[in-house]
């Protein structure tokens, strides 16, 4: 059901500093920051030959990333994102298998302009999973 790894998301306390680190120290191609008010985050994409790293920073106090950074002030891995061909079929199969879909269970448009859903980390070995329609 899952396809390729789309990205690994890392929550960071300072988006500009994290972007500089990837660009200047690691020599990576780094996008400009993108504000996603519907998701409560600002993101920067680090482009790699085989996937992307998504650097996440809270966009306001109500951001879903804010509590994560409160528990992990230095930042850390937040989630992994896998591609699926049909997000609704994937959602229905996951729910039938007992997985919990976060939110209202309906896909939202993610940072790449495609439908996404998040799956409860307790159902996936402690890892928050995002699925994105390819």
C-alpha atoms as a PDB file:
ATOM      1  CA  UNK A   1       0.000   0.000   0.000  1.00  0.00           C
ATOM      2  CA  UNK A   2       2.650   2.580   0.917  1.00  0.00           C
ATOM      3  CA  UNK A   3       4.898   3.904  -1.768  1.00  0.00           C
ATOM      4  CA  UNK A   4       8.123   5.797  -1.520  1.00  0.00           C
ATOM      5  CA  UNK A   5       9.282   7.860   1.436  1.00  0.00           C
ATOM      6  CA  UNK A   6       8.234  11.407   0.649  1.00  0.00           C
ATOM      7  CA  UNK A   7       9.965  13.169   3.544  1.00  0.00           C
ATOM      8  CA  UNK A   8      11.172  13.052   7.119  1.00  0.00           C
ATOM      9  CA  UNK A   9       9.962  16.016   9.175  1.00  0.00           C
ATOM     10  CA  UNK A  10      12.112  17.576  11.875  1.00  0.00           C
ATOM     11  CA  UNK A  11      10.684  20.142  14.295  1.00  0.00           C
ATOM     12  CA  UNK A  12      13.174  22.941  14.920  1.00  0.00           C
ATOM     13  CA  UNK A  13      13.229  25.826  17.408  1.00  0.00           C
ATOM     14  CA  UNK A  14      14.889  28.197  14.892  1.00  0.00           C
ATOM     15  CA  UNK A  15      13.910  27.675  11.256  1.00  0.00           C
ATOM     16  CA  UNK A  16      16.474  30.067   9.771  1.00  0.00           C
ATOM     17  CA  UNK A  17      19.335  28.535  11.771  1.00  0.00           C
ATOM     18  CA  UNK A  18      18.303  24.996  10.814  1.00  0.00           C
ATOM     19  CA  UNK A  19      18.043  25.971   7.125  1.00  0.00           C
ATOM     20  CA  UNK A  20      21.514  27.556   7.252  1.00  0.00           C
ATOM     21  CA  UNK A  21      22.959  24.419   8.863  1.00  0.00           C
ATOM     22  CA  UNK A  22      21.625  22.178   6.096  1.00  0.00           C
ATOM     23  CA  UNK A  23      22.651  24.626   3.365  1.00  0.00           C
ATOM     24  CA  UNK A  24      26.040  25.811   4.646  1.00  0.00           C
ATOM     25  CA  UNK A  25      27.349  22.848   6.622  1.00  0.00           C
ATOM     26  CA  UNK A  26      25.854  19.971   4.638  1.00  0.00           C
ATOM     27  CA  UNK A  27      25.741  21.633   1.215  1.00  0.00           C
ATOM     28  CA  UNK A  28      22.068  20.828   0.658  1.00  0.00           C
ATOM     29  CA  UNK A  29      19.580  22.587  -1.585  1.00  0.00           C
ATOM     30  CA  UNK A  30      17.184  24.402   0.768  1.00  0.00           C
ATOM     31  CA  UNK A  31      13.890  26.067  -0.153  1.00  0.00           C
ATOM     32  CA  UNK A  32      12.652  29.415   1.046  1.00  0.00           C
ATOM     33  CA  UNK A  33      10.377  29.263   4.121  1.00  0.00           C
ATOM     34  CA  UNK A  34       6.719  28.593   3.401  1.00  0.00           C
ATOM     35  CA  UNK A  35       4.014  29.572   5.905  1.00  0.00           C
ATOM     36  CA  UNK A  36       1.134  27.114   6.124  1.00  0.00           C
ATOM     37  CA  UNK A  37      -1.440  28.826   8.373  1.00  0.00           C
ATOM     38  CA  UNK A  38      -3.974  25.992   7.943  1.00  0.00           C
ATOM     39  CA  UNK A  39      -1.434  23.631   9.555  1.00  0.00           C
ATOM     40  CA  UNK A  40       0.032  26.132  12.007  1.00  0.00           C
ATOM     41  CA  UNK A  41       3.594  25.736  10.734  1.00  0.00           C
ATOM     42  CA  UNK A  42       6.326  27.323   8.677  1.00  0.00           C
ATOM     43  CA  UNK A  43       8.325  24.831   6.635  1.00  0.00           C
ATOM     44  CA  UNK A  44      11.561  24.655   4.725  1.00  0.00           C
ATOM     45  CA  UNK A  45      12.313  21.748   2.406  1.00  0.00           C
ATOM     46  CA  UNK A  46      15.784  20.288   2.149  1.00  0.00           C
ATOM     47  CA  UNK A  47      15.990  18.530  -1.220  1.00  0.00           C
ATOM     48  CA  UNK A  48      17.972  15.286  -1.321  1.00  0.00           C
ATOM     49  CA  UNK A  49      18.533  12.974  -4.291  1.00  0.00           C
ATOM     50  CA  UNK A  50      16.143  10.329  -2.935  1.00  0.00           C
ATOM     51  CA  UNK A  51      13.725  12.235  -0.648  1.00  0.00           C
ATOM     52  CA  UNK A  52      13.255  15.485   1.283  1.00  0.00           C
ATOM     53  CA  UNK A  53      13.746  16.698   4.827  1.00  0.00           C
ATOM     54  CA  UNK A  54      10.962  18.994   6.015  1.00  0.00           C
ATOM     55  CA  UNK A  55      12.030  21.444   8.703  1.00  0.00           C
ATOM     56  CA  UNK A  56       8.998  22.497  10.769  1.00  0.00           C
ATOM     57  CA  UNK A  57       8.603  25.524  13.013  1.00  0.00           C
ATOM     58  CA  UNK A  58       5.474  26.681  14.873  1.00  0.00           C
ATOM     59  CA  UNK A  59       3.460  29.430  13.253  1.00  0.00           C
ATOM     60  CA  UNK A  60       1.881  30.889  16.371  1.00  0.00           C
ATOM     61  CA  UNK A  61       1.178  29.616  19.878  1.00  0.00           C
ATOM     62  CA  UNK A  62      -1.630  27.270  18.756  1.00  0.00           C
ATOM     63  CA  UNK A  63       0.627  25.335  16.390  1.00  0.00           C
ATOM     64  CA  UNK A  64       0.565  21.536  16.744  1.00  0.00           C
ATOM     65  CA  UNK A  65       4.386  21.732  16.706  1.00  0.00           C
ATOM     66  CA  UNK A  66       4.556  24.007  19.786  1.00  0.00           C
ATOM     67  CA  UNK A  67       3.851  21.244  22.351  1.00  0.00           C
ATOM     68  CA  UNK A  68       6.407  18.980  20.653  1.00  0.00           C
ATOM     69  CA  UNK A  69       9.075  21.685  20.949  1.00  0.00           C
ATOM     70  CA  UNK A  70       8.053  22.366  24.555  1.00  0.00           C
ATOM     71  CA  UNK A  71       8.855  18.708  25.306  1.00  0.00           C
ATOM     72  CA  UNK A  72      11.911  18.706  23.003  1.00  0.00           C
ATOM     73  CA  UNK A  73      13.389  22.235  23.138  1.00  0.00           C
ATOM     74  CA  UNK A  74      16.312  21.342  20.859  1.00  0.00           C
ATOM     75  CA  UNK A  75      13.920  19.935  18.256  1.00  0.00           C
ATOM     76  CA  UNK A  76      13.810  16.442  16.820  1.00  0.00           C
ATOM     77  CA  UNK A  77      12.190  14.069  14.366  1.00  0.00           C
ATOM     78  CA  UNK A  78       8.462  14.784  14.236  1.00  0.00           C
ATOM     79  CA  UNK A  79       7.045  12.439  11.585  1.00  0.00           C
ATOM     80  CA  UNK A  80       7.705  10.439   8.442  1.00  0.00           C
ATOM     81  CA  UNK A  81       5.612  10.800   5.306  1.00  0.00           C
ATOM     82  CA  UNK A  82       4.870   7.972   2.877  1.00  0.00           C
ATOM     83  CA  UNK A  83       3.175   8.287  -0.480  1.00  0.00           C
ATOM     84  CA  UNK A  84       0.023   6.359  -1.345  1.00  0.00           C
ATOM     85  CA  UNK A  85      -1.763   6.094  -4.683  1.00  0.00           C
ATOM     86  CA  UNK A  86      -5.267   6.610  -3.289  1.00  0.00           C
ATOM     87  CA  UNK A  87      -5.502   8.333   0.088  1.00  0.00           C
ATOM     88  CA  UNK A  88      -9.154   7.458   0.682  1.00  0.00           C
ATOM     89  CA  UNK A  89      -8.603   3.762  -0.065  1.00  0.00           C
ATOM     90  CA  UNK A  90      -5.496   3.817   2.149  1.00  0.00           C
ATOM     91  CA  UNK A  91      -7.450   5.519   4.961  1.00  0.00           C
ATOM     92  CA  UNK A  92     -10.266   2.989   4.759  1.00  0.00           C
ATOM     93  CA  UNK A  93      -7.853   0.044   4.747  1.00  0.00           C
ATOM     94  CA  UNK A  94      -5.902   1.464   7.697  1.00  0.00           C
ATOM     95  CA  UNK A  95      -9.068   2.122   9.713  1.00  0.00           C
ATOM     96  CA  UNK A  96     -10.367  -1.380   8.950  1.00  0.00           C
ATOM     97  CA  UNK A  97      -7.077  -2.711  10.313  1.00  0.00           C
ATOM     98  CA  UNK A  98      -7.491  -0.741  13.552  1.00  0.00           C
ATOM     99  CA  UNK A  99      -5.271   2.266  12.855  1.00  0.00           C
ATOM    100  CA  UNK A 100      -6.423   5.619  14.209  1.00  0.00           C
ATOM    101  CA  UNK A 101      -6.554   8.516  11.765  1.00  0.00           C
ATOM    102  CA  UNK A 102      -6.004  11.839  13.513  1.00  0.00           C
ATOM    103  CA  UNK A 103      -8.337  14.814  13.177  1.00  0.00           C
ATOM    104  CA  UNK A 104     -11.715  14.350  11.551  1.00  0.00           C
ATOM    105  CA  UNK A 105     -10.445  11.566   9.282  1.00  0.00           C
ATOM    106  CA  UNK A 106     -10.813  13.635   6.134  1.00  0.00           C
ATOM    107  CA  UNK A 107      -7.708  14.517   4.086  1.00  0.00           C
ATOM    108  CA  UNK A 108      -6.365  18.055   4.274  1.00  0.00           C
ATOM    109  CA  UNK A 109      -4.180  19.726   1.669  1.00  0.00           C
ATOM    110  CA  UNK A 110      -0.555  19.470   2.794  1.00  0.00           C
ATOM    111  CA  UNK A 111       2.591  21.458   2.120  1.00  0.00           C
ATOM    112  CA  UNK A 112       3.004  19.930  -1.343  1.00  0.00           C
ATOM    113  CA  UNK A 113      -0.536  20.843  -2.389  1.00  0.00           C
ATOM    114  CA  UNK A 114      -1.715  17.220  -2.138  1.00  0.00           C
ATOM    115  CA  UNK A 115      -4.144  15.487   0.237  1.00  0.00           C
ATOM    116  CA  UNK A 116      -2.606  14.226   3.504  1.00  0.00           C
ATOM    117  CA  UNK A 117      -3.675  12.376   6.645  1.00  0.00           C
ATOM    118  CA  UNK A 118      -1.852  11.671   9.894  1.00  0.00           C
ATOM    119  CA  UNK A 119      -1.921   8.362  11.747  1.00  0.00           C
ATOM    120  CA  UNK A 120      -1.660   7.977  15.513  1.00  0.00           C
ATOM    121  CA  UNK A 121       1.907   7.245  16.660  1.00  0.00           C
ATOM    122  CA  UNK A 122       0.725   4.649  19.191  1.00  0.00           C
ATOM    123  CA  UNK A 123      -0.394   2.497  16.267  1.00  0.00           C
ATOM    124  CA  UNK A 124       3.003   2.703  14.496  1.00  0.00           C
ATOM    125  CA  UNK A 125       5.763   1.922  17.013  1.00  0.00           C
ATOM    126  CA  UNK A 126       5.713   5.433  18.475  1.00  0.00           C
ATOM    127  CA  UNK A 127       6.121   7.224  15.143  1.00  0.00           C
ATOM    128  CA  UNK A 128       3.688   9.798  13.794  1.00  0.00           C
ATOM    129  CA  UNK A 129       2.951   8.799  10.191  1.00  0.00           C
ATOM    130  CA  UNK A 130       1.742  11.113   7.452  1.00  0.00           C
ATOM    131  CA  UNK A 131       0.364   9.641   4.265  1.00  0.00           C
ATOM    132  CA  UNK A 132       0.226  11.788   1.158  1.00  0.00           C
ATOM    133  CA  UNK A 133      -1.535  11.047  -2.088  1.00  0.00           C
ATOM    134  CA  UNK A 134       1.087  10.743  -4.820  1.00  0.00           C
END
